[in-house]
Amino acid sequence: MKSSGTFLSVLIAVAVGAAIGVVFAPDNGASTRKKAKKAVNKYAKKAKEELEASQKAITEQTNAAVSAVKEKTNEAANYTKGKVNEVANYKTSDAQQAEPKA
């Protein structure tokens, strides 16, 4: 899925960005950790939003597929009922025609 690739890309970007930030940071440890935490939180929020959007899209697609299957099932059932009625009516008319008339 495209969204899982996006999610993975975001996670990789977070890891790479945090590593680069720690290695090349001119600030002291506390400041660097604060910046890293802020960056991680930013990307975690974005990842969460991407995940929620993916879940919503999957739910919508699933609901649409279920509706389509239900509709086709109802159409098939109605078609079958119609054919059964046609056969039953045909058999009834044949039986009436075959009866001897007095």
Foldseek 3Di string as FASTA:
>chain_A
DVLVVVLVVLVVCLVVVLVVLVVPPPDDPVVSVVVNVVSVVVSVVVSVVSVVVVVVVVVVVVVVVVVVVVVVVVVVVVVVVVVVVVVVVVVVVVVVVPDDDD
